Protein backbone atom coordinates (compact mmCIF):
# COMPACT_ATOMS: atom_id res chain seq x y z
CA UNK A 1 0.00 0.00 0.00
CA UNK A 2 2.90 2.34 0.76
CA UNK A 3 4.19 1.74 -2.70
CA UNK A 4 0.89 2.79 -4.30
CA UNK A 5 0.81 5.95 -2.18
CA UNK A 6 4.37 6.83 -3.14
CA UNK A 7 3.57 6.15 -6.78
CA UNK A 8 0.50 8.37 -6.43
CA UNK A 9 2.64 11.23 -5.11
CA UNK A 10 5.33 10.75 -7.74
CA UNK A 11 3.07 10.25 -10.79
CA UNK A 12 -0.66 10.80 -10.12
CA UNK A 13 -1.74 10.68 -13.77
CA UNK A 14 0.09 7.45 -14.40
CA UNK A 15 -1.41 5.96 -11.24
CA UNK A 16 -4.94 6.95 -12.31
CA UNK A 17 -4.34 5.49 -15.77
CA UNK A 18 -3.08 2.26 -14.22
CA UNK A 19 -6.11 1.98 -11.90
CA UNK A 20 -8.51 2.71 -14.77
CA UNK A 21 -6.81 0.01 -16.83
CA UNK A 22 -7.20 -2.44 -13.93
CA UNK A 23 -10.90 -1.63 -13.54
CA UNK A 24 -11.49 -1.91 -17.30
CA UNK A 25 -9.74 -5.27 -17.34
CA UNK A 26 -11.86 -6.53 -14.45
CA UNK A 27 -15.05 -5.24 -16.09
CA UNK A 28 -14.41 -6.90 -19.45
CA UNK A 29 -13.17 -10.12 -17.84
CA UNK A 30 -16.34 -10.27 -15.74
CA UNK A 31 -18.48 -9.56 -18.80
CA UNK A 32 -16.70 -12.29 -20.76
CA UNK A 33 -17.21 -14.84 -17.98
CA UNK A 34 -20.88 -13.87 -17.57
CA UNK A 35 -21.64 -14.19 -21.30
CA UNK A 36 -19.68 -17.45 -21.55
CA UNK A 37 -21.62 -19.02 -18.70
CA UNK A 38 -24.95 -17.72 -20.01
CA UNK A 39 -24.53 -19.02 -23.55
CA UNK A 40 -23.06 -22.32 -22.36
CA UNK A 41 -26.31 -22.94 -20.47
CA UNK A 42 -28.59 -21.70 -23.29
CA UNK A 43 -27.39 -23.89 -26.13
CA UNK A 44 -29.89 -25.56 -28.48
CA UNK A 45 -32.92 -24.15 -26.68
CA UNK A 46 -36.33 -24.93 -28.17
CA UNK A 47 -37.66 -21.96 -30.13
CA UNK A 48 -40.20 -19.98 -28.12
CA UNK A 49 -42.45 -17.02 -29.02
CA UNK A 50 -40.56 -14.49 -26.85
CA UNK A 51 -37.27 -15.10 -28.68
CA UNK A 52 -35.91 -12.89 -31.42
CA UNK A 53 -34.51 -14.45 -34.56
CA UNK A 54 -31.00 -13.48 -33.47
CA UNK A 55 -31.44 -15.09 -30.05
CA UNK A 56 -32.72 -18.35 -31.56
CA UNK A 57 -29.89 -18.37 -34.10
CA UNK A 58 -27.24 -17.69 -31.47
CA UNK A 59 -28.64 -20.41 -29.24
CA UNK A 60 -28.23 -22.89 -32.08
CA UNK A 61 -24.83 -21.54 -33.15
CA UNK A 62 -25.88 -20.38 -36.62
CA UNK A 63 -25.64 -17.05 -38.43
CA UNK A 64 -28.67 -14.83 -37.67
CA UNK A 65 -28.42 -13.25 -41.13
CA UNK A 66 -28.67 -16.66 -42.80
CA UNK A 67 -31.73 -17.49 -40.70
CA UNK A 68 -33.32 -14.13 -41.60
CA UNK A 69 -32.63 -14.75 -45.29
CA UNK A 70 -33.97 -18.30 -45.22
CA UNK A 71 -37.19 -17.21 -43.53
CA UNK A 72 -37.46 -14.03 -45.65
CA UNK A 73 -37.67 -11.90 -42.52
CA UNK A 74 -36.91 -8.20 -42.35
CA UNK A 75 -33.60 -7.17 -40.85
CA UNK A 76 -33.83 -5.97 -37.23
CA UNK A 77 -32.87 -2.46 -38.37
CA UNK A 78 -36.14 -2.10 -40.33
CA UNK A 79 -38.24 -1.71 -37.16
CA UNK A 80 -35.44 -0.09 -35.18
CA UNK A 81 -35.24 -2.99 -32.72
CA UNK A 82 -35.14 -6.78 -32.88
CA UNK A 83 -38.68 -8.16 -32.98
CA UNK A 84 -39.78 -11.18 -30.99
CA UNK A 85 -41.34 -13.96 -33.00
CA UNK A 86 -44.80 -13.01 -31.68
CA UNK A 87 -44.53 -9.56 -33.29
CA UNK A 88 -43.26 -11.03 -36.56
CA UNK A 89 -46.17 -13.48 -36.67
CA UNK A 90 -48.64 -10.69 -35.89
CA UNK A 91 -47.17 -8.48 -38.64
CA UNK A 92 -47.43 -11.36 -41.12
CA UNK A 93 -50.94 -12.25 -40.00
CA UNK A 94 -50.10 -15.88 -39.26
CA UNK A 95 -50.36 -17.93 -36.08
CA UNK A 96 -47.25 -17.93 -33.90
CA UNK A 97 -47.12 -21.74 -33.98
CA UNK A 98 -46.74 -21.66 -37.78
CA UNK A 99 -43.85 -19.22 -37.54
CA UNK A 100 -42.24 -21.30 -34.78
CA UNK A 101 -42.46 -24.37 -37.01
CA UNK A 102 -40.89 -22.43 -39.89
CA UNK A 103 -38.06 -21.19 -37.66
CA UNK A 104 -37.40 -24.69 -36.32
CA UNK A 105 -37.35 -26.13 -39.85
CA UNK A 106 -34.96 -23.39 -41.01
CA UNK A 107 -32.68 -23.99 -38.03
CA UNK A 108 -32.67 -27.71 -38.79
CA UNK A 109 -31.81 -27.03 -42.43
CA UNK A 110 -29.02 -24.61 -41.54
CA UNK A 111 -27.50 -26.89 -38.91
CA UNK A 112 -27.51 -29.77 -41.38
CA UNK A 113 -25.76 -27.69 -44.06
CA UNK A 114 -23.17 -26.42 -41.55
CA UNK A 115 -22.45 -29.94 -40.29
CA UNK A 116 -22.21 -31.25 -43.87
CA UNK A 117 -19.48 -28.74 -44.73
C-alpha cells in the first residue's frame, strides 16, 4: 500500500491510468465470464415465441443473417429494434405456432448444411 501511495505522489496521472486500466480489465473479464456461462447454459434451446430471430440463431450456433434470409424476414434495423417472434407473426398475420415451425425447420436445415461442410 505504501508503494501505491508513493507512486501516487510521484506520478498521479500514471497511477490513475493504471487503476482505470485495472478496472477496465476486471469489467471486461467479468463480462466475458458472464456471457460465456450464459450461452453455455442456453445452447440448443427450443424456439419460443418471446425469442428474437438473433437469439434463436445464437442459441443454435448459426448465423442470424442466414436465418433471416432463409425465412425471408426483415432485418432488425427495419423496425429499429429486434422483434420477438410473436410480433413477426402478428405483422405477417399468421399464427405464432406456424412461424415457430418455420423457424425450427430453417434452423434444422441450416445446422444440417453447416455440419455437412
